[in-house]
Amino acid sequence: MFKEIAVTILGQKYDLSLVICTDKISRHNTLAYPLSKSEGEILLNPAHKGQYSVANLFIHSCAHLAGYRHGKAMDKYENKIAKDVTMG
């Protein structure tokens, strides 16, 4: 599922590192770090996912790496990706 989401949002040639972490590393639910135009890193902390699924947090982080900022356009994009990818 993660690979399908990442490829859909970032493309085949994007080099992405995913770290599933605990509070020892981050108390955030997700963080996205762009390292260059074609590579980045995402940290996901399932202990702080709240009302969101891990897939939704991953979509959110990938959208940030693709250049989206919080707002209506990002929300609409994330909803589309969630329907297309996670629900098939």
Protein backbone atom coordinates (compact mmCIF):
# COMPACT_ATOMS: atom_id res chain seq x y z
CA MET A 1 0.00 0.00 0.00
CA PHE A 2 2.76 2.48 0.89
CA LYS A 3 4.56 1.94 -2.41
CA GLU A 4 1.36 2.41 -4.42
CA ILE A 5 0.59 5.67 -2.62
CA ALA A 6 4.16 6.98 -2.99
CA VAL A 7 4.34 6.15 -6.70
CA THR A 8 0.91 7.69 -7.32
CA ILE A 9 1.87 10.96 -5.63
CA LEU A 10 5.63 11.24 -6.15
CA GLY A 11 6.32 9.12 -9.23
CA GLN A 12 8.46 6.05 -9.96
CA LYS A 13 11.81 7.84 -9.76
CA TYR A 14 11.31 9.42 -6.31
CA ASP A 15 13.56 7.85 -3.66
CA LEU A 16 11.56 7.72 -0.42
CA SER A 17 12.57 6.48 3.00
CA LEU A 18 9.79 5.57 5.46
CA VAL A 19 10.47 5.27 9.17
CA ILE A 20 7.82 3.88 11.51
CA CYS A 21 8.84 5.37 14.84
CA THR A 22 7.93 5.72 18.49
CA ASP A 23 7.86 8.69 20.84
CA LYS A 24 11.61 8.26 21.36
CA ILE A 25 12.12 9.66 17.86
CA SER A 26 9.09 11.94 17.41
CA ARG A 27 5.90 12.83 19.24
CA HIS A 28 4.32 14.02 15.97
CA ASN A 29 1.96 11.73 14.08
CA THR A 30 3.91 12.30 10.85
CA LEU A 31 6.77 14.40 9.56
CA ALA A 32 7.97 14.80 5.97
CA TYR A 33 11.50 15.86 5.11
CA PRO A 34 12.34 16.72 1.50
CA LEU A 35 16.02 15.97 0.90
CA SER A 36 16.06 17.03 -2.75
CA LYS A 37 13.61 17.31 -5.64
CA SER A 38 13.71 13.55 -6.09
CA GLU A 39 14.17 12.18 -2.57
CA GLY A 40 12.70 12.53 0.89
CA GLU A 41 12.00 10.88 4.21
CA ILE A 42 8.78 10.34 6.13
CA LEU A 43 8.48 9.54 9.83
CA LEU A 44 5.18 7.99 10.98
CA ASN A 45 4.31 7.50 14.63
CA PRO A 46 1.19 5.28 14.81
CA ALA A 47 0.87 5.94 18.55
CA HIS A 48 -0.22 9.49 17.70
CA LYS A 49 -2.40 8.81 14.67
CA GLY A 50 -5.55 9.98 16.46
CA GLN A 51 -8.59 9.85 14.18
CA TYR A 52 -6.48 9.28 11.05
CA SER A 53 -5.45 5.98 9.54
CA VAL A 54 -1.76 5.34 8.95
CA ALA A 55 -2.53 5.38 5.20
CA ASN A 56 -4.06 8.86 5.49
CA LEU A 57 -1.02 10.14 7.38
CA PHE A 58 1.25 8.69 4.71
CA ILE A 59 -0.82 10.32 1.96
CA HIS A 60 -0.60 13.62 3.85
CA SER A 61 3.18 13.42 4.11
CA CYS A 62 3.61 12.44 0.47
CA ALA A 63 1.41 15.37 -0.55
CA HIS A 64 3.72 17.71 1.40
CA LEU A 65 6.74 16.23 -0.37
CA ALA A 66 4.94 16.84 -3.68
CA GLY A 67 4.64 20.53 -2.78
CA TYR A 68 1.17 20.80 -1.27
CA ARG A 69 0.55 23.09 1.70
CA HIS A 70 -2.33 22.87 4.16
CA GLY A 71 -5.61 24.13 2.76
CA LYS A 72 -8.62 23.21 0.66
CA ALA A 73 -6.60 22.16 -2.40
CA MET A 74 -4.51 19.77 -0.29
CA ASP A 75 -7.59 18.35 1.43
CA LYS A 76 -9.30 17.73 -1.92
CA TYR A 77 -6.16 16.12 -3.34
CA GLU A 78 -5.70 13.84 -0.31
CA ASN A 79 -9.34 12.72 -0.48
CA LYS A 80 -8.97 11.87 -4.16
CA ILE A 81 -5.78 9.87 -3.55
CA ALA A 82 -7.36 8.02 -0.60
CA LYS A 83 -10.32 6.98 -2.76
CA ASP A 84 -8.18 6.04 -5.77
CA VAL A 85 -5.46 4.14 -3.94
CA THR A 86 -6.62 2.74 -0.61
CA MET A 87 -10.15 1.88 -1.70
CA GLY A 88 -9.16 0.78 -5.10
